[in-house]
Each structure stands twice: as C-alpha cells, then as structure tokens.
Amino acid sequence: MPVAVPAASQTTGRYAYLVGRLRSRQITMEEATELFALQQTMIARASVMNNPPPPPPAAPQDSTVATPPPRNVPAGGGGLPVNDETITLALLGMGVGAGLLAAVLKRARDGPKPPG
C-alpha cells in the first residue's frame, strides 16, 4: 500500500511529530510506515542534492575506438553507481528500517506504555 508523503515544507513538522510518537511508544503501524516513507524521501532528496548531474557525454572523435564503460556502473549497465556515498545511504536506510521494525515489534510485544 503506497503511503502519501507530504511536500518538503510539511515534511519537517510531520517528521518531528512522528518521531515524538515513536519515542513515547505511542506510534501506530500506519504512522511507522509513514515515518519510514518520510525518512526514505529525505534520504533520496539529500542524495540528489549532494550528487550533481553527470556531464553530457562528449562526441567521439574516432568511431573506431570503443570507449570503455564508466568504472562505477555494473557490467550489465544501468543501475546506481556504487561508491562510498551510495553504500553509506543504503546502510543508513537499512538501519532506519531496522530501528523502526524493532520499535514496532517491541511495542507489539510489551503493549502500550503505562501512563506515567
């Protein structure tokens, strides 16, 4: 089920609200899913902002010389370039997902937090 992610201007307020609900262990599965989608969107925006678009390819001067494929592209072509930043963002995304899953599972196991 796709989750609607608010615009960038609304993201920070909703994100803060959802993180507060997660910390107080009052988050629902729908809110956890929305929080995960917000975090993924924030990671994607940060990745796009940090990676400038590649320069346009230069016109080959001699068509007999084959140009080798770029180093960061897998042999099958396409896909994301594999570099330190991509790996870091992937690990960050997996850590966020694992943390959310652990919090939701702990809440399901322990039940809601008793009023303090």
PDB file of N, CA and C in Angstrom:
ATOM      1  N   MET A   1       0.849  -1.164   0.000  1.00  0.00           N
ATOM      2  CA  MET A   1       0.000   0.000   0.000  1.00  0.00           C
ATOM      3  C   MET A   1       0.898   1.232   0.000  1.00  0.00           C
ATOM      4  N   PRO A   2       0.835   2.089  -1.043  1.00  0.00           N
ATOM      5  CA  PRO A   2       1.680   3.272  -1.083  1.00  0.00           C
ATOM      6  C   PRO A   2       1.254   4.279  -0.030  1.00  0.00           C
ATOM      7  N   VAL A   3       2.233   5.000   0.485  1.00  0.00           N
ATOM      8  CA  VAL A   3       1.993   6.000   1.521  1.00  0.00           C
ATOM      9  C   VAL A   3       2.189   7.373   0.909  1.00  0.00           C
ATOM     10  N   ALA A   4       1.235   8.272   1.133  1.00  0.00           N
ATOM     11  CA  ALA A   4       1.354   9.634   0.628  1.00  0.00           C
ATOM     12  C   ALA A   4       2.354  10.392   1.491  1.00  0.00           C
ATOM     13  N   VAL A   5       3.380  10.954   0.852  1.00  0.00           N
ATOM     14  CA  VAL A   5       4.399  11.711   1.565  1.00  0.00           C
ATOM     15  C   VAL A   5       4.115  13.189   1.341  1.00  0.00           C
ATOM     16  N   PRO A   6       4.024  13.995   2.421  1.00  0.00           N
ATOM     17  CA  PRO A   6       3.723  15.413   2.258  1.00  0.00           C
ATOM     18  C   PRO A   6       4.840  16.159   1.553  1.00  0.00           C
ATOM     19  N   ALA A   7       4.544  17.387   1.127  1.00  0.00           N
ATOM     20  CA  ALA A   7       5.533  18.225   0.452  1.00  0.00           C
ATOM     21  C   ALA A   7       6.690  18.521   1.395  1.00  0.00           C
ATOM     22  N   ALA A   8       7.793  19.016   0.819  1.00  0.00           N
ATOM     23  CA  ALA A   8       9.001  19.259   1.601  1.00  0.00           C
ATOM     24  C   ALA A   8       8.752  20.242   2.743  1.00  0.00           C
ATOM     25  N   SER A   9       7.883  21.242   2.534  1.00  0.00           N
ATOM     26  CA  SER A   9       7.629  22.227   3.580  1.00  0.00           C
ATOM     27  C   SER A   9       6.877  21.622   4.759  1.00  0.00           C
ATOM     28  N   GLN A  10       6.075  20.592   4.525  1.00  0.00           N
ATOM     29  CA  GLN A  10       5.313  19.952   5.582  1.00  0.00           C
ATOM     30  C   GLN A  10       6.060  18.772   6.201  1.00  0.00           C
ATOM     31  N   THR A  11       7.113  18.328   5.558  1.00  0.00           N
ATOM     32  CA  THR A  11       7.822  17.132   5.979  1.00  0.00           C
ATOM     33  C   THR A  11       8.430  17.274   7.370  1.00  0.00           C
ATOM     34  N   THR A  12       9.064  18.400   7.664  1.00  0.00           N
ATOM     35  CA  THR A  12       9.777  18.529   8.937  1.00  0.00           C
ATOM     36  C   THR A  12       8.833  18.493  10.133  1.00  0.00           C
ATOM     37  N   GLY A  13       7.689  19.161  10.031  1.00  0.00           N
ATOM     38  CA  GLY A  13       6.734  19.142  11.139  1.00  0.00           C
ATOM     39  C   GLY A  13       6.158  17.762  11.365  1.00  0.00           C
ATOM     40  N   ARG A  14       5.760  17.106  10.300  1.00  0.00           N
ATOM     41  CA  ARG A  14       5.188  15.762  10.411  1.00  0.00           C
ATOM     42  C   ARG A  14       6.248  14.782  10.901  1.00  0.00           C
ATOM     43  N   TYR A  15       7.476  14.934  10.415  1.00  0.00           N
ATOM     44  CA  TYR A  15       8.575  14.062  10.829  1.00  0.00           C
ATOM     45  C   TYR A  15       8.816  14.208  12.336  1.00  0.00           C
ATOM     46  N   ALA A  16       8.854  15.442  12.817  1.00  0.00           N
ATOM     47  CA  ALA A  16       9.074  15.672  14.249  1.00  0.00           C
ATOM     48  C   ALA A  16       7.939  15.060  15.074  1.00  0.00           C
ATOM     49  N   TYR A  17       6.719  15.212  14.605  1.00  0.00           N
ATOM     50  CA  TYR A  17       5.566  14.638  15.304  1.00  0.00           C
ATOM     51  C   TYR A  17       5.667  13.113  15.373  1.00  0.00           C
ATOM     52  N   LEU A  18       5.996  12.484  14.244  1.00  0.00           N
ATOM     53  CA  LEU A  18       6.077  11.022  14.198  1.00  0.00           C
ATOM     54  C   LEU A  18       7.241  10.495  15.040  1.00  0.00           C
ATOM     55  N   VAL A  19       8.363  11.200  15.034  1.00  0.00           N
ATOM     56  CA  VAL A  19       9.495  10.772  15.859  1.00  0.00           C
ATOM     57  C   VAL A  19       9.123  10.884  17.337  1.00  0.00           C
ATOM     58  N   GLY A  20       8.403  11.938  17.694  1.00  0.00           N
ATOM     59  CA  GLY A  20       7.935  12.077  19.070  1.00  0.00           C
ATOM     60  C   GLY A  20       7.014  10.942  19.480  1.00  0.00           C
ATOM     61  N   ARG A  21       6.122  10.558  18.561  1.00  0.00           N
ATOM     62  CA  ARG A  21       5.233   9.435  18.841  1.00  0.00           C
ATOM     63  C   ARG A  21       6.020   8.131  18.975  1.00  0.00           C
ATOM     64  N   LEU A  22       7.063   7.967  18.158  1.00  0.00           N
ATOM     65  CA  LEU A  22       7.887   6.763  18.235  1.00  0.00           C
ATOM     66  C   LEU A  22       8.636   6.719  19.563  1.00  0.00           C
ATOM     67  N   ARG A  23       9.196   7.836  19.973  1.00  0.00           N
ATOM     68  CA  ARG A  23       9.956   7.870  21.229  1.00  0.00           C
ATOM     69  C   ARG A  23       9.072   7.633  22.446  1.00  0.00           C
ATOM     70  N   SER A  24       7.823   8.100  22.372  1.00  0.00           N
ATOM     71  CA  SER A  24       6.918   7.888  23.505  1.00  0.00           C
ATOM     72  C   SER A  24       6.177   6.555  23.409  1.00  0.00           C
ATOM     73  N   ARG A  25       6.529   5.776  22.378  1.00  0.00           N
ATOM     74  CA  ARG A  25       5.940   4.444  22.152  1.00  0.00           C
ATOM     75  C   ARG A  25       4.431   4.509  21.972  1.00  0.00           C
ATOM     76  N   GLN A  26       3.975   5.543  21.297  1.00  0.00           N
ATOM     77  CA  GLN A  26       2.553   5.709  21.029  1.00  0.00           C
ATOM     78  C   GLN A  26       2.262   5.662  19.527  1.00  0.00           C
ATOM     79  N   ILE A  27       3.178   5.110  18.740  1.00  0.00           N
ATOM     80  CA  ILE A  27       3.063   5.126  17.285  1.00  0.00           C
ATOM     81  C   ILE A  27       2.254   3.923  16.797  1.00  0.00           C
ATOM     82  N   THR A  28       1.471   4.135  15.756  1.00  0.00           N
ATOM     83  CA  THR A  28       0.710   3.048  15.142  1.00  0.00           C
ATOM     84  C   THR A  28       1.498   2.504  13.950  1.00  0.00           C
ATOM     85  N   MET A  29       1.071   1.388  13.429  1.00  0.00           N
ATOM     86  CA  MET A  29       1.745   0.815  12.262  1.00  0.00           C
ATOM     87  C   MET A  29       1.667   1.763  11.064  1.00  0.00           C
ATOM     88  N   GLU A  30       0.516   2.422  10.884  1.00  0.00           N
ATOM     89  CA  GLU A  30       0.360   3.348   9.762  1.00  0.00           C
ATOM     90  C   GLU A  30       1.325   4.520   9.911  1.00  0.00           C
ATOM     91  N   GLU A  31       1.470   5.027  11.143  1.00  0.00           N
ATOM     92  CA  GLU A  31       2.391   6.129  11.373  1.00  0.00           C
ATOM     93  C   GLU A  31       3.841   5.680  11.206  1.00  0.00           C
ATOM     94  N   ALA A  32       4.154   4.462  11.627  1.00  0.00           N
ATOM     95  CA  ALA A  32       5.512   3.939  11.442  1.00  0.00           C
ATOM     96  C   ALA A  32       5.831   3.802   9.959  1.00  0.00           C
ATOM     97  N   THR A  33       4.853   3.351   9.183  1.00  0.00           N
ATOM     98  CA  THR A  33       5.043   3.233   7.734  1.00  0.00           C
ATOM     99  C   THR A  33       5.244   4.612   7.121  1.00  0.00           C
ATOM    100  N   GLU A  34       4.461   5.587   7.573  1.00  0.00           N
ATOM    101  CA  GLU A  34       4.599   6.949   7.064  1.00  0.00           C
ATOM    102  C   GLU A  34       5.960   7.530   7.452  1.00  0.00           C
ATOM    103  N   LEU A  35       6.409   7.273   8.676  1.00  0.00           N
ATOM    104  CA  LEU A  35       7.713   7.758   9.117  1.00  0.00           C
ATOM    105  C   LEU A  35       8.827   7.147   8.275  1.00  0.00           C
ATOM    106  N   PHE A  36       8.732   5.871   7.993  1.00  0.00           N
ATOM    107  CA  PHE A  36       9.735   5.202   7.164  1.00  0.00           C
ATOM    108  C   PHE A  36       9.751   5.821   5.766  1.00  0.00           C
ATOM    109  N   ALA A  37       8.562   6.083   5.193  1.00  0.00           N
ATOM    110  CA  ALA A  37       8.496   6.694   3.862  1.00  0.00           C
ATOM    111  C   ALA A  37       9.093   8.102   3.881  1.00  0.00           C
ATOM    112  N   LEU A  38       8.821   8.864   4.949  1.00  0.00           N
ATOM    113  CA  LEU A  38       9.403  10.204   5.069  1.00  0.00           C
ATOM    114  C   LEU A  38      10.926  10.136   5.129  1.00  0.00           C
ATOM    115  N   GLN A  39      11.455   9.183   5.894  1.00  0.00           N
ATOM    116  CA  GLN A  39      12.896   9.056   6.010  1.00  0.00           C
ATOM    117  C   GLN A  39      13.525   8.650   4.675  1.00  0.00           C
ATOM    118  N   GLN A  40      12.872   7.772   3.967  1.00  0.00           N
ATOM    119  CA  GLN A  40      13.389   7.377   2.659  1.00  0.00           C
ATOM    120  C   GLN A  40      13.381   8.562   1.700  1.00  0.00           C
ATOM    121  N   THR A  41      12.318   9.382   1.746  1.00  0.00           N
ATOM    122  CA  THR A  41      12.235  10.560   0.893  1.00  0.00           C
ATOM    123  C   THR A  41      13.327  11.565   1.253  1.00  0.00           C
ATOM    124  N   MET A  42      13.562  11.745   2.548  1.00  0.00           N
ATOM    125  CA  MET A  42      14.602  12.670   2.979  1.00  0.00           C
ATOM    126  C   MET A  42      15.982  12.188   2.529  1.00  0.00           C
ATOM    127  N   ILE A  43      16.219  10.900   2.597  1.00  0.00           N
ATOM    128  CA  ILE A  43      17.491  10.334   2.141  1.00  0.00           C
ATOM    129  C   ILE A  43      17.652  10.536   0.643  1.00  0.00           C
ATOM    130  N   ALA A  44      16.564  10.300  -0.117  1.00  0.00           N
ATOM    131  CA  ALA A  44      16.629  10.467  -1.568  1.00  0.00           C
ATOM    132  C   ALA A  44      16.882  11.929  -1.938  1.00  0.00           C
ATOM    133  N   ARG A  45      16.209  12.858  -1.241  1.00  0.00           N
ATOM    134  CA  ARG A  45      16.429  14.288  -1.517  1.00  0.00           C
ATOM    135  C   ARG A  45      17.863  14.683  -1.205  1.00  0.00           C
ATOM    136  N   ALA A  46      18.400  14.189  -0.093  1.00  0.00           N
ATOM    137  CA  ALA A  46      19.780  14.509   0.273  1.00  0.00           C
ATOM    138  C   ALA A  46      20.745  13.942  -0.762  1.00  0.00           C
ATOM    139  N   SER A  47      20.452  12.763  -1.256  1.00  0.00           N
ATOM    140  CA  SER A  47      21.312  12.136  -2.250  1.00  0.00           C
ATOM    141  C   SER A  47      21.302  12.926  -3.547  1.00  0.00           C
ATOM    142  N   VAL A  48      20.125  13.384  -3.967  1.00  0.00           N
ATOM    143  CA  VAL A  48      20.018  14.153  -5.205  1.00  0.00           C
ATOM    144  C   VAL A  48      20.721  15.492  -5.063  1.00  0.00           C
ATOM    145  N   MET A  49      20.592  16.120  -3.898  1.00  0.00           N
ATOM    146  CA  MET A  49      21.201  17.432  -3.688  1.00  0.00           C
ATOM    147  C   MET A  49      22.719  17.333  -3.609  1.00  0.00           C
ATOM    148  N   ASN A  50      23.256  16.204  -3.129  1.00  0.00           N
ATOM    149  CA  ASN A  50      24.696  16.052  -2.982  1.00  0.00           C
ATOM    150  C   ASN A  50      25.384  15.552  -4.240  1.00  0.00           C
ATOM    151  N   ASN A  51      24.627  14.990  -5.161  1.00  0.00           N
ATOM    152  CA  ASN A  51      25.214  14.450  -6.390  1.00  0.00           C
ATOM    153  C   ASN A  51      24.806  15.314  -7.575  1.00  0.00           C
ATOM    154  N   PRO A  52      25.718  16.121  -8.125  1.00  0.00           N
ATOM    155  CA  PRO A  52      25.373  16.918  -9.299  1.00  0.00           C
ATOM    156  C   PRO A  52      25.144  15.996 -10.499  1.00  0.00           C
ATOM    157  N   PRO A  53      24.358  16.446 -11.468  1.00  0.00           N
ATOM    158  CA  PRO A  53      24.128  15.604 -12.636  1.00  0.00           C
ATOM    159  C   PRO A  53      25.436  15.375 -13.394  1.00  0.00           C
ATOM    160  N   PRO A  54      25.580  14.224 -14.024  1.00  0.00           N
ATOM    161  CA  PRO A  54      26.823  13.943 -14.749  1.00  0.00           C
ATOM    162  C   PRO A  54      26.933  14.853 -15.970  1.00  0.00           C
ATOM    163  N   PRO A  55      28.160  15.142 -16.385  1.00  0.00           N
ATOM    164  CA  PRO A  55      28.337  15.990 -17.568  1.00  0.00           C
ATOM    165  C   PRO A  55      27.838  15.261 -18.813  1.00  0.00           C
ATOM    166  N   PRO A  56      27.411  16.008 -19.831  1.00  0.00           N
ATOM    167  CA  PRO A  56      26.948  15.346 -21.052  1.00  0.00           C
ATOM    168  C   PRO A  56      28.105  14.606 -21.711  1.00  0.00           C
ATOM    169  N   PRO A  57      27.801  13.491 -22.355  1.00  0.00           N
ATOM    170  CA  PRO A  57      28.884  12.728 -22.997  1.00  0.00           C
ATOM    171  C   PRO A  57      29.482  13.515 -24.162  1.00  0.00           C
ATOM    172  N   ALA A  58      30.804  13.421 -24.271  1.00  0.00           N
ATOM    173  CA  ALA A  58      31.500  14.094 -25.370  1.00  0.00           C
ATOM    174  C   ALA A  58      31.308  13.289 -26.644  1.00  0.00           C
ATOM    175  N   ALA A  59      31.224  13.998 -27.744  1.00  0.00           N
ATOM    176  CA  ALA A  59      31.072  13.329 -29.040  1.00  0.00           C
ATOM    177  C   ALA A  59      32.373  12.612 -29.377  1.00  0.00           C
ATOM    178  N   PRO A  60      32.295  11.326 -29.737  1.00  0.00           N
ATOM    179  CA  PRO A  60      33.533  10.604 -30.084  1.00  0.00           C
ATOM    180  C   PRO A  60      34.148  11.178 -31.353  1.00  0.00           C
ATOM    181  N   GLN A  61      35.461  11.344 -31.307  1.00  0.00           N
ATOM    182  CA  GLN A  61      36.152  11.898 -32.472  1.00  0.00           C
ATOM    183  C   GLN A  61      36.501  10.800 -33.468  1.00  0.00           C
ATOM    184  N   ASP A  62      36.731   9.600 -32.971  1.00  0.00           N
ATOM    185  CA  ASP A  62      37.060   8.481 -33.861  1.00  0.00           C
ATOM    186  C   ASP A  62      36.119   7.344 -33.526  1.00  0.00           C
ATOM    187  N   SER A  63      35.252   6.990 -34.446  1.00  0.00           N
ATOM    188  CA  SER A  63      34.246   5.967 -34.171  1.00  0.00           C
ATOM    189  C   SER A  63      34.826   4.559 -34.133  1.00  0.00           C
ATOM    190  N   THR A  64      36.079   4.372 -34.521  1.00  0.00           N
ATOM    191  CA  THR A  64      36.659   3.035 -34.495  1.00  0.00           C
ATOM    192  C   THR A  64      37.146   2.647 -33.106  1.00  0.00           C
ATOM    193  N   VAL A  65      37.388   3.632 -32.236  1.00  0.00           N
ATOM    194  CA  VAL A  65      37.877   3.358 -30.888  1.00  0.00           C
ATOM    195  C   VAL A  65      36.660   3.240 -29.968  1.00  0.00           C
ATOM    196  N   ALA A  66      36.513   2.077 -29.337  1.00  0.00           N
ATOM    197  CA  ALA A  66      35.394   1.865 -28.419  1.00  0.00           C
ATOM    198  C   ALA A  66      35.745   2.462 -27.064  1.00  0.00           C
ATOM    199  N   THR A  67      34.808   3.198 -26.498  1.00  0.00           N
ATOM    200  CA  THR A  67      35.051   3.777 -25.183  1.00  0.00           C
ATOM    201  C   THR A  67      34.665   2.756 -24.118  1.00  0.00           C
ATOM    202  N   PRO A  68      35.489   2.603 -23.093  1.00  0.00           N
ATOM    203  CA  PRO A  68      35.160   1.643 -22.034  1.00  0.00           C
ATOM    204  C   PRO A  68      33.980   2.168 -21.203  1.00  0.00           C
ATOM    205  N   PRO A  69      33.218   1.265 -20.581  1.00  0.00           N
ATOM    206  CA  PRO A  69      32.109   1.719 -19.738  1.00  0.00           C
ATOM    207  C   PRO A  69      32.644   2.443 -18.506  1.00  0.00           C
ATOM    208  N   PRO A  70      31.852   3.336 -17.914  1.00  0.00           N
ATOM    209  CA  PRO A  70      32.314   4.022 -16.706  1.00  0.00           C
ATOM    210  C   PRO A  70      32.621   3.019 -15.597  1.00  0.00           C
ATOM    211  N   ARG A  71      33.551   3.368 -14.717  1.00  0.00           N
ATOM    212  CA  ARG A  71      34.000   2.441 -13.671  1.00  0.00           C
ATOM    213  C   ARG A  71      32.923   2.116 -12.643  1.00  0.00           C
ATOM    214  N   ASN A  72      32.050   3.073 -12.336  1.00  0.00           N
ATOM    215  CA  ASN A  72      31.077   2.874 -11.271  1.00  0.00           C
ATOM    216  C   ASN A  72      29.803   2.171 -11.722  1.00  0.00           C
ATOM    217  N   VAL A  73      29.667   1.871 -12.990  1.00  0.00           N
ATOM    218  CA  VAL A  73      28.457   1.231 -13.494  1.00  0.00           C
ATOM    219  C   VAL A  73      28.714  -0.266 -13.623  1.00  0.00           C
ATOM    220  N   PRO A  74      27.802  -1.103 -13.112  1.00  0.00           N
ATOM    221  CA  PRO A  74      27.990  -2.546 -13.240  1.00  0.00           C
ATOM    222  C   PRO A  74      28.087  -2.966 -14.703  1.00  0.00           C
ATOM    223  N   ALA A  75      28.664  -4.133 -14.956  1.00  0.00           N
ATOM    224  CA  ALA A  75      28.886  -4.600 -16.317  1.00  0.00           C
ATOM    225  C   ALA A  75      27.581  -4.718 -17.100  1.00  0.00           C
ATOM    226  N   GLY A  76      26.464  -5.013 -16.430  1.00  0.00           N
ATOM    227  CA  GLY A  76      25.174  -5.130 -17.107  1.00  0.00           C
ATOM    228  C   GLY A  76      24.610  -3.791 -17.517  1.00  0.00           C
ATOM    229  N   GLY A  77      25.263  -2.697 -17.131  1.00  0.00           N
ATOM    230  CA  GLY A  77      24.782  -1.364 -17.461  1.00  0.00           C
ATOM    231  C   GLY A  77      23.665  -0.949 -16.516  1.00  0.00           C
ATOM    232  N   GLY A  78      23.286   0.309 -16.560  1.00  0.00           N
ATOM    233  CA  GLY A  78      22.191   0.810 -15.744  1.00  0.00           C
ATOM    234  C   GLY A  78      22.484   0.691 -14.263  1.00  0.00           C
ATOM    235  N   GLY A  79      21.500   1.004 -13.458  1.00  0.00           N
ATOM    236  CA  GLY A  79      21.652   0.876 -12.021  1.00  0.00           C
ATOM    237  C   GLY A  79      22.320   2.093 -11.410  1.00  0.00           C
ATOM    238  N   LEU A  80      22.411   2.089 -10.094  1.00  0.00           N
ATOM    239  CA  LEU A  80      23.047   3.186  -9.376  1.00  0.00           C
ATOM    240  C   LEU A  80      24.551   3.015  -9.384  1.00  0.00           C
ATOM    241  N   PRO A  81      25.282   4.125  -9.428  1.00  0.00           N
ATOM    242  CA  PRO A  81      26.731   3.993  -9.294  1.00  0.00           C
ATOM    243  C   PRO A  81      27.074   3.543  -7.879  1.00  0.00           C
ATOM    244  N   VAL A  82      28.009   2.630  -7.782  1.00  0.00           N
ATOM    245  CA  VAL A  82      28.397   2.103  -6.473  1.00  0.00           C
ATOM    246  C   VAL A  82      29.629   2.864  -6.003  1.00  0.00           C
ATOM    247  N   ASN A  83      29.414   3.723  -5.002  1.00  0.00           N
ATOM    248  CA  ASN A  83      30.524   4.449  -4.419  1.00  0.00           C
ATOM    249  C   ASN A  83      30.287   4.521  -2.913  1.00  0.00           C
ATOM    250  N   ASP A  84      31.179   5.167  -2.203  1.00  0.00           N
ATOM    251  CA  ASP A  84      31.078   5.224  -0.737  1.00  0.00           C
ATOM    252  C   ASP A  84      29.792   5.886  -0.276  1.00  0.00           C
ATOM    253  N   GLU A  85      29.372   6.950  -0.948  1.00  0.00           N
ATOM    254  CA  GLU A  85      28.171   7.672  -0.523  1.00  0.00           C
ATOM    255  C   GLU A  85      26.908   6.823  -0.731  1.00  0.00           C
ATOM    256  N   THR A  86      26.834   6.115  -1.833  1.00  0.00           N
ATOM    257  CA  THR A  86      25.667   5.257  -2.089  1.00  0.00           C
ATOM    258  C   THR A  86      25.595   4.142  -1.048  1.00  0.00           C
ATOM    259  N   ILE A  87      26.720   3.562  -0.731  1.00  0.00           N
ATOM    260  CA  ILE A  87      26.741   2.493   0.272  1.00  0.00           C
ATOM    261  C   ILE A  87      26.351   3.047   1.636  1.00  0.00           C
ATOM    262  N   THR A  88      26.849   4.238   1.967  1.00  0.00           N
ATOM    263  CA  THR A  88      26.509   4.868   3.247  1.00  0.00           C
ATOM    264  C   THR A  88      25.013   5.126   3.342  1.00  0.00           C
ATOM    265  N   LEU A  89      24.420   5.667   2.274  1.00  0.00           N
ATOM    266  CA  LEU A  89      22.983   5.932   2.283  1.00  0.00           C
ATOM    267  C   LEU A  89      22.175   4.631   2.358  1.00  0.00           C
ATOM    268  N   ALA A  90      22.626   3.602   1.690  1.00  0.00           N
ATOM    269  CA  ALA A  90      21.922   2.318   1.753  1.00  0.00           C
ATOM    270  C   ALA A  90      21.970   1.752   3.171  1.00  0.00           C
ATOM    271  N   LEU A  91      23.130   1.817   3.806  1.00  0.00           N
ATOM    272  CA  LEU A  91      23.254   1.337   5.182  1.00  0.00           C
ATOM    273  C   LEU A  91      22.411   2.168   6.139  1.00  0.00           C
ATOM    274  N   LEU A  92      22.374   3.479   5.916  1.00  0.00           N
ATOM    275  CA  LEU A  92      21.548   4.352   6.750  1.00  0.00           C
ATOM    276  C   LEU A  92      20.074   3.990   6.597  1.00  0.00           C
ATOM    277  N   GLY A  93      19.641   3.777   5.378  1.00  0.00           N
ATOM    278  CA  GLY A  93      18.248   3.394   5.136  1.00  0.00           C
ATOM    279  C   GLY A  93      17.902   2.060   5.772  1.00  0.00           C
ATOM    280  N   MET A  94      18.808   1.101   5.675  1.00  0.00           N
ATOM    281  CA  MET A  94      18.556  -0.205   6.299  1.00  0.00           C
ATOM    282  C   MET A  94      18.529  -0.085   7.815  1.00  0.00           C
ATOM    283  N   GLY A  95      19.392   0.753   8.382  1.00  0.00           N
ATOM    284  CA  GLY A  95      19.401   0.961   9.830  1.00  0.00           C
ATOM    285  C   GLY A  95      18.129   1.615  10.323  1.00  0.00           C
ATOM    286  N   VAL A  96      17.640   2.589   9.564  1.00  0.00           N
ATOM    287  CA  VAL A  96      16.382   3.248   9.919  1.00  0.00           C
ATOM    288  C   VAL A  96      15.236   2.247   9.893  1.00  0.00           C
ATOM    289  N   GLY A  97      15.195   1.448   8.852  1.00  0.00           N
ATOM    290  CA  GLY A  97      14.141   0.434   8.757  1.00  0.00           C
ATOM    291  C   GLY A  97      14.221  -0.584   9.877  1.00  0.00           C
ATOM    292  N   ALA A  98      15.431  -1.008  10.198  1.00  0.00           N
ATOM    293  CA  ALA A  98      15.597  -1.985  11.284  1.00  0.00           C
ATOM    294  C   ALA A  98      15.189  -1.390  12.626  1.00  0.00           C
ATOM    295  N   GLY A  99      15.529  -0.123  12.849  1.00  0.00           N
ATOM    296  CA  GLY A  99      15.149   0.538  14.102  1.00  0.00           C
ATOM    297  C   GLY A  99      13.647   0.674  14.239  1.00  0.00           C
ATOM    298  N   LEU A 100      12.995   1.075  13.154  1.00  0.00           N
ATOM    299  CA  LEU A 100      11.532   1.179  13.178  1.00  0.00           C
ATOM    300  C   LEU A 100      10.893  -0.181  13.411  1.00  0.00           C
ATOM    301  N   LEU A 101      11.386  -1.193  12.731  1.00  0.00           N
ATOM    302  CA  LEU A 101      10.828  -2.533  12.902  1.00  0.00           C
ATOM    303  C   LEU A 101      11.017  -3.009  14.338  1.00  0.00           C
ATOM    304  N   ALA A 102      12.179  -2.772  14.921  1.00  0.00           N
ATOM    305  CA  ALA A 102      12.418  -3.184  16.307  1.00  0.00           C
ATOM    306  C   ALA A 102      11.490  -2.457  17.269  1.00  0.00           C
ATOM    307  N   ALA A 103      11.280  -1.156  17.042  1.00  0.00           N
ATOM    308  CA  ALA A 103      10.401  -0.383  17.917  1.00  0.00           C
ATOM    309  C   ALA A 103       8.954  -0.875  17.821  1.00  0.00           C
ATOM    310  N   VAL A 104       8.510  -1.146  16.614  1.00  0.00           N
ATOM    311  CA  VAL A 104       7.128  -1.612  16.432  1.00  0.00           C
ATOM    312  C   VAL A 104       6.954  -3.005  17.033  1.00  0.00           C
ATOM    313  N   LEU A 105       7.931  -3.882  16.835  1.00  0.00           N
ATOM    314  CA  LEU A 105       7.834  -5.225  17.402  1.00  0.00           C
ATOM    315  C   LEU A 105       7.872  -5.195  18.927  1.00  0.00           C
ATOM    316  N   LYS A 106       8.710  -4.331  19.504  1.00  0.00           N
ATOM    317  CA  LYS A 106       8.770  -4.218  20.959  1.00  0.00           C
ATOM    318  C   LYS A 106       7.447  -3.693  21.503  1.00  0.00           C
ATOM    319  N   ARG A 107       6.869  -2.720  20.813  1.00  0.00           N
ATOM    320  CA  ARG A 107       5.568  -2.190  21.251  1.00  0.00           C
ATOM    321  C   ARG A 107       4.498  -3.264  21.150  1.00  0.00           C
ATOM    322  N   ALA A 108       4.538  -4.067  20.105  1.00  0.00           N
ATOM    323  CA  ALA A 108       3.549  -5.139  19.954  1.00  0.00           C
ATOM    324  C   ALA A 108       3.721  -6.193  21.051  1.00  0.00           C
ATOM    325  N   ARG A 109       4.968  -6.463  21.421  1.00  0.00           N
ATOM    326  CA  ARG A 109       5.245  -7.456  22.436  1.00  0.00           C
ATOM    327  C   ARG A 109       4.882  -6.959  23.845  1.00  0.00           C
ATOM    328  N   ASP A 110       5.301  -5.726  24.175  1.00  0.00           N
ATOM    329  CA  ASP A 110       5.136  -5.188  25.514  1.00  0.00           C
ATOM    330  C   ASP A 110       3.810  -4.475  25.738  1.00  0.00           C
ATOM    331  N   GLY A 111       3.155  -4.089  24.674  1.00  0.00           N
ATOM    332  CA  GLY A 111       1.911  -3.327  24.819  1.00  0.00           C
ATOM    333  C   GLY A 111       2.210  -1.856  25.023  1.00  0.00           C
ATOM    334  N   PRO A 112       1.168  -1.035  25.110  1.00  0.00           N
ATOM    335  CA  PRO A 112       1.409   0.411  25.263  1.00  0.00           C
ATOM    336  C   PRO A 112       2.058   0.738  26.608  1.00  0.00           C
ATOM    337  N   LYS A 113       2.789   1.840  26.624  1.00  0.00           N
ATOM    338  CA  LYS A 113       3.475   2.293  27.828  1.00  0.00           C
ATOM    339  C   LYS A 113       2.429   2.747  28.856  1.00  0.00           C
ATOM    340  N   PRO A 114       2.556   2.279  30.104  1.00  0.00           N
ATOM    341  CA  PRO A 114       1.570   2.711  31.122  1.00  0.00           C
ATOM    342  C   PRO A 114       1.720   4.204  31.382  1.00  0.00           C
ATOM    343  N   PRO A 115       0.600   4.892  31.671  1.00  0.00           N
ATOM    344  CA  PRO A 115       0.697   6.342  31.910  1.00  0.00           C
ATOM    345  C   PRO A 115       1.575   6.609  33.124  1.00  0.00           C
ATOM    346  N   GLY A 116       2.402   7.630  32.976  1.00  0.00           N
ATOM    347  CA  GLY A 116       3.444   7.867  33.929  1.00  0.00           C
ATOM    348  C   GLY A 116       3.156   8.682  35.091  1.00  0.00           C
TER     349      GLY A 116
END
